[in-house]
Protein backbone atom coordinates (compact mmCIF):
# COMPACT_ATOMS: atom_id res chain seq x y z
CA UNK A 1 0.00 0.00 0.00
CA UNK A 2 0.97 3.61 -0.58
CA UNK A 3 -0.04 6.84 1.11
CA UNK A 4 -0.92 10.05 -0.71
CA UNK A 5 -0.34 13.23 1.29
CA UNK A 6 -1.67 16.61 0.18
CA UNK A 7 -0.55 19.74 2.01
CA UNK A 8 -0.31 23.51 1.67
CA UNK A 9 1.39 26.45 3.34
CA UNK A 10 0.30 26.76 6.99
CA UNK A 11 0.33 30.52 6.52
CA UNK A 12 -2.24 30.22 3.71
CA UNK A 13 -4.11 26.94 4.31
CA UNK A 14 -6.20 26.41 1.19
CA UNK A 15 -6.58 22.66 0.85
CA UNK A 16 -10.18 22.05 -0.18
CA UNK A 17 -12.13 18.94 0.75
CA UNK A 18 -13.50 18.67 -2.79
CA UNK A 19 -9.97 18.52 -4.22
CA UNK A 20 -8.99 15.76 -1.78
CA UNK A 21 -12.16 13.77 -2.47
CA UNK A 22 -11.89 14.13 -6.23
CA UNK A 23 -8.32 12.87 -6.26
CA UNK A 24 -9.14 10.07 -3.83
CA UNK A 25 -11.99 8.92 -6.06
CA UNK A 26 -9.90 9.19 -9.23
CA UNK A 27 -7.15 7.04 -7.74
CA UNK A 28 -9.41 4.56 -5.93
CA UNK A 29 -8.12 5.59 -2.56
CA UNK A 30 -9.27 4.78 0.94
CA UNK A 31 -10.97 7.15 3.34
CA UNK A 32 -9.39 10.59 3.57
CA UNK A 33 -7.82 11.48 6.92
CA UNK A 34 -7.37 15.16 7.74
CA UNK A 35 -4.08 15.80 9.52
CA UNK A 36 -4.83 19.51 9.81
CA UNK A 37 -8.02 21.26 8.68
CA UNK A 38 -7.55 23.01 5.33
CA UNK A 39 -3.81 22.28 5.49
CA UNK A 40 -2.99 18.57 5.18
CA UNK A 41 -4.82 15.33 4.39
CA UNK A 42 -3.88 11.79 3.40
CA UNK A 43 -5.41 8.63 1.99
CA UNK A 44 -4.14 5.20 0.99
CA UNK A 45 -3.91 3.79 -2.54
CA UNK A 46 -2.98 0.29 -3.74
CA UNK A 47 -0.41 1.43 -6.35
CA UNK A 48 1.37 4.55 -7.56
CA UNK A 49 -0.72 6.06 -10.40
CA UNK A 50 0.81 6.59 -13.83
CA UNK A 51 -0.19 10.25 -13.85
CA UNK A 52 1.45 11.11 -10.53
CA UNK A 53 3.72 13.84 -11.86
CA UNK A 54 1.15 15.36 -14.18
CA UNK A 55 -1.18 15.73 -11.20
CA UNK A 56 1.72 17.01 -9.07
CA UNK A 57 2.37 19.75 -11.63
CA UNK A 58 -1.28 20.80 -11.71
CA UNK A 59 -1.43 20.92 -7.93
CA UNK A 60 1.74 23.00 -7.72
CA UNK A 61 -0.01 25.72 -9.68
CA UNK A 62 -2.80 25.57 -7.08
CA UNK A 63 -0.37 25.92 -4.15
CA UNK A 64 -0.63 22.28 -3.08
CA UNK A 65 2.19 19.79 -2.51
CA UNK A 66 1.60 16.11 -3.38
CA UNK A 67 3.66 13.28 -1.92
CA UNK A 68 3.22 9.55 -2.60
CA UNK A 69 5.26 7.02 -0.62
CA UNK A 70 5.04 3.46 0.71
CA UNK A 71 2.77 3.16 3.75
CA UNK A 72 5.18 0.98 5.71
CA UNK A 73 7.98 2.64 7.65
CA UNK A 74 6.87 6.23 7.13
CA UNK A 75 7.56 7.37 10.68
CA UNK A 76 11.33 7.75 10.97
CA UNK A 77 13.83 7.34 13.81
CA UNK A 78 16.25 10.02 12.65
CA UNK A 79 16.24 13.44 11.00
CA UNK A 80 19.30 14.42 8.95
CA UNK A 81 19.10 18.04 7.86
CA UNK A 82 21.00 20.55 5.80
CA UNK A 83 21.22 24.04 7.33
CA UNK A 84 21.48 26.84 4.76
CA UNK A 85 18.16 27.57 3.02
CA UNK A 86 16.73 24.53 4.83
CA UNK A 87 16.76 24.95 8.61
CA UNK A 88 17.50 28.66 8.19
CA UNK A 89 16.26 31.00 5.48
CA UNK A 90 19.70 32.27 4.46
CA UNK A 91 23.01 31.08 3.03
CA UNK A 92 25.53 31.95 5.77
CA UNK A 93 28.43 32.56 3.44
CA UNK A 94 26.34 35.00 1.40
CA UNK A 95 25.52 36.95 4.55
CA UNK A 96 29.19 37.10 5.56
CA UNK A 97 30.07 38.20 2.04
CA UNK A 98 27.52 41.01 2.20
CA UNK A 99 29.30 42.31 5.30
CA UNK A 100 32.63 42.03 3.47
CA UNK A 101 31.32 44.01 0.49
CA UNK A 102 31.44 41.09 -1.97
CA UNK A 103 27.86 39.92 -1.51
CA UNK A 104 26.68 39.82 -5.11
CA UNK A 105 29.80 38.06 -6.34
CA UNK A 106 29.62 35.35 -3.67
CA UNK A 107 25.84 34.89 -3.96
CA UNK A 108 26.19 34.22 -7.69
CA UNK A 109 28.78 31.49 -7.02
CA UNK A 110 26.58 30.01 -4.26
CA UNK A 111 23.57 29.81 -6.56
CA UNK A 112 25.55 27.98 -9.23
CA UNK A 113 27.13 25.60 -6.72
CA UNK A 114 23.78 24.71 -5.13
CA UNK A 115 22.30 24.07 -8.56
CA UNK A 116 25.09 21.60 -9.31
CA UNK A 117 26.82 23.75 -11.92
CA UNK A 118 30.10 24.04 -9.99
CA UNK A 119 32.29 21.70 -7.96
CA UNK A 120 31.27 22.27 -4.34
CA UNK A 121 34.76 22.20 -2.83
CA UNK A 122 36.24 24.54 -5.42
CA UNK A 123 33.30 26.91 -5.15
CA UNK A 124 33.61 26.98 -1.35
CA UNK A 125 37.33 27.75 -1.51
CA UNK A 126 36.70 30.55 -3.99
CA UNK A 127 33.98 32.13 -1.88
CA UNK A 128 35.82 31.83 1.42
CA UNK A 129 38.90 33.34 -0.20
CA UNK A 130 36.90 36.50 -0.80
CA UNK A 131 36.31 36.79 2.96
CA UNK A 132 40.03 37.09 3.80
CA UNK A 133 40.65 39.91 6.28
CA UNK A 134 37.09 40.10 7.56
CA UNK A 135 36.88 40.56 11.33
CA UNK A 136 36.01 37.25 13.02
CA UNK A 137 33.51 39.18 15.18
CA UNK A 138 31.34 39.69 12.10
CA UNK A 139 30.20 36.05 12.43
CA UNK A 140 28.42 36.91 15.67
CA UNK A 141 26.91 40.04 14.13
CA UNK A 142 25.55 38.04 11.21
CA UNK A 143 24.09 35.42 13.52
CA UNK A 144 22.40 38.10 15.62
CA UNK A 145 21.07 40.30 12.82
CA UNK A 146 20.80 38.35 9.57
CA UNK A 147 20.00 34.71 10.35
CA UNK A 148 16.38 33.58 10.77
CA UNK A 149 15.03 30.07 11.24
CA UNK A 150 12.88 28.37 8.63
CA UNK A 151 9.29 28.11 9.91
CA UNK A 152 8.41 24.79 11.51
CA UNK A 153 11.95 23.66 12.30
CA UNK A 154 11.73 23.68 16.07
CA UNK A 155 8.36 21.91 15.96
CA UNK A 156 9.69 19.28 13.55
CA UNK A 157 12.62 18.43 15.80
CA UNK A 158 10.69 18.58 19.08
CA UNK A 159 7.95 16.33 17.74
CA UNK A 160 10.31 13.74 16.30
CA UNK A 161 12.49 13.71 19.42
CA UNK A 162 9.45 13.33 21.67
CA UNK A 163 8.73 10.18 19.66
CA UNK A 164 12.22 8.81 20.18
CA UNK A 165 13.99 10.12 17.08
CA UNK A 166 17.52 11.56 16.79
CA UNK A 167 18.28 14.85 15.00
CA UNK A 168 21.53 15.71 13.23
CA UNK A 169 22.44 18.92 11.40
CA UNK A 170 24.99 18.38 8.61
CA UNK A 171 26.06 21.43 6.64
CA UNK A 172 28.49 22.47 3.95
CA UNK A 173 28.50 25.77 5.83
CA UNK A 174 30.41 26.59 8.98
CA UNK A 175 30.57 25.30 12.56
CA UNK A 176 30.27 28.81 13.96
CA UNK A 177 26.75 28.85 12.52
CA UNK A 178 25.69 25.22 12.95
CA UNK A 179 26.58 25.25 16.66
CA UNK A 180 24.22 28.19 17.32
CA UNK A 181 21.44 26.93 15.03
CA UNK A 182 21.64 23.37 16.37
CA UNK A 183 21.39 24.57 19.97
CA UNK A 184 18.47 26.89 19.21
CA UNK A 185 16.44 24.28 17.33
CA UNK A 186 17.21 21.24 19.48
CA UNK A 187 19.49 19.13 17.28
CA UNK A 188 21.44 16.36 19.01
CA UNK A 189 24.61 17.00 17.00
CA UNK A 190 25.99 19.10 14.18
CA UNK A 191 28.74 18.83 11.59
CA UNK A 192 30.10 21.53 9.27
CA UNK A 193 33.25 23.17 7.95
CA UNK A 194 35.55 25.31 10.08
CA UNK A 195 36.51 28.83 9.02
CA UNK A 196 40.15 29.54 9.88
CA UNK A 197 41.15 32.79 11.57
CA UNK A 198 44.35 34.42 12.82
CA UNK A 199 44.61 37.50 14.99
CA UNK A 200 40.86 38.01 14.95
CA UNK A 201 40.67 38.05 11.15
CA UNK A 202 39.41 35.39 8.74
CA UNK A 203 42.30 33.95 6.71
CA UNK A 204 40.18 33.15 3.66
CA UNK A 205 40.75 29.43 4.17
CA UNK A 206 38.69 26.47 5.42
CA UNK A 207 40.03 23.61 7.52
CA UNK A 208 40.46 20.30 5.69
CA UNK A 209 38.81 18.01 4.87
CA UNK A 210 35.94 20.03 3.43
CA UNK A 211 32.50 18.72 4.35
CA UNK A 212 30.57 18.43 1.09
CA UNK A 213 28.29 15.95 -0.63
CA UNK A 214 30.22 12.80 0.27
CA UNK A 215 30.73 13.91 3.86
CA UNK A 216 26.96 14.21 4.27
CA UNK A 217 26.58 10.62 3.08
CA UNK A 218 29.36 9.61 5.47
CA UNK A 219 27.48 11.30 8.31
CA UNK A 220 24.39 9.29 7.40
CA UNK A 221 26.40 6.07 7.46
CA UNK A 222 28.25 6.84 10.69
CA UNK A 223 25.31 8.13 12.72
CA UNK A 224 22.91 5.33 11.73
CA UNK A 225 25.60 2.76 12.53
CA UNK A 226 26.19 4.36 15.92
CA UNK A 227 22.46 4.45 16.69
CA UNK A 228 21.92 0.92 15.41
CA UNK A 229 19.24 1.91 12.92
CA UNK A 230 18.87 1.37 9.17
CA UNK A 231 19.29 4.15 6.61
CA UNK A 232 15.69 3.43 5.63
CA UNK A 233 14.69 4.76 9.06
CA UNK A 234 16.05 8.24 8.26
CA UNK A 235 14.27 11.25 6.82
CA UNK A 236 16.73 13.68 5.23
CA UNK A 237 16.01 17.21 4.04
CA UNK A 238 17.96 19.66 1.91
CA UNK A 239 17.80 22.03 -1.03
CA UNK A 240 21.11 21.92 -2.90
CA UNK A 241 23.07 19.66 -5.21
CA UNK A 242 25.47 18.76 -2.38
CA UNK A 243 22.48 17.26 -0.52
CA UNK A 244 21.56 14.78 -3.25
CA UNK A 245 23.76 12.00 -1.91
CA UNK A 246 22.11 11.90 1.51
CA UNK A 247 18.64 12.53 0.04
CA UNK A 248 19.08 9.51 -2.22
CA UNK A 249 20.36 7.22 0.52
CA UNK A 250 17.88 8.08 3.28
CA UNK A 251 14.61 6.21 3.57
CA UNK A 252 12.81 9.46 2.74
CA UNK A 253 14.72 12.26 1.03
CA UNK A 254 12.90 15.59 0.99
CA UNK A 255 13.78 18.38 -1.45
CA UNK A 256 12.54 21.44 0.47
CA UNK A 257 12.05 24.60 -1.62
CA UNK A 258 14.92 23.16 -3.63
CA UNK A 259 16.69 24.14 -6.82
CA UNK A 260 14.96 22.74 -9.95
CA UNK A 261 17.86 20.41 -10.75
CA UNK A 262 17.63 18.97 -7.22
CA UNK A 263 13.86 18.53 -7.30
CA UNK A 264 14.14 16.63 -10.57
CA UNK A 265 16.13 13.92 -8.78
CA UNK A 266 13.88 13.58 -5.71
CA UNK A 267 10.59 11.78 -5.24
CA UNK A 268 9.49 13.95 -2.32
CA UNK A 269 9.32 17.66 -3.15
CA UNK A 270 7.94 20.30 -0.79
CA UNK A 271 7.50 23.76 -2.30
CA UNK A 272 4.52 25.19 -0.42
CA UNK A 273 4.64 23.66 3.06
CA UNK A 274 7.19 24.58 5.72
CA UNK A 275 9.31 22.17 7.76
CA UNK A 276 6.22 20.76 9.49
CA UNK A 277 5.46 19.16 6.11
CA UNK A 278 8.05 16.55 7.14
CA UNK A 279 5.76 15.64 10.03
CA UNK A 280 2.65 15.41 7.87
CA UNK A 281 4.32 13.07 5.40
CA UNK A 282 5.27 10.82 8.32
CA UNK A 283 1.60 10.66 9.29
CA UNK A 284 1.66 13.06 12.26
CA UNK A 285 -1.51 15.11 12.73
CA UNK A 286 -1.14 18.73 13.86
CA UNK A 287 -2.69 17.72 17.19
CA UNK A 288 0.40 15.54 17.76
CA UNK A 289 2.88 18.36 17.16
CA UNK A 290 5.11 19.34 20.08
CA UNK A 291 6.15 22.92 20.79
């Protein structure tokens, strides 16, 4: 059996009962279950329909996300999350670059790297090199004034942890940011790259080895082995090309507000919901949310 989940933005809940019923009838589904009124509903189907992606495209235009996945094993024991543009709204290196006066140049490189057009490691070295000489104290300023959390993140983590899950933040960004974000949102651990500094100034270099696409897969392997769980019991979320490895290996890989090239390689795509969408697709009703 498979489960169809339909959801919308919690800020503009517009999921209509007629839409849910019409799709359920068209696909021969079971009884619709509302996870949140006007926001999220699900029903079971015996097989994945041939027109899944055509319907997905139509629903995107209506502001509705559609997810189809196997019914068994939906509720996961671990969350593995990217940070930049996933758990937070910004790209940290772009915000540092803006303070250094090279914002547009760095943001353009970031966009190309996250879309898979550039080698991640080379692109990171190039961008960090442009930060050479920036006061190390600027990191704290950026954290205090420029970084905001993606809606639903704290609720996602609190709800999963209250149900026995483990939460890990794995970023191609920097430890100075992941440490603060992980503590604020309730992650159990975090991994990222380390910006090097001397005399209170950034050197324009990153400590080796650089944490990129393969390191995120390695984190998935190492943490699941340590916890004694299967990779199928993990839900991973990210938005960039360097997340594709872990998204492909995890039991459920979620492309959240992701680049088009990333979405094209993922079965679960969330463009309208926030991070609580990861709870809905695991079968949690809003009444079960924590925090």
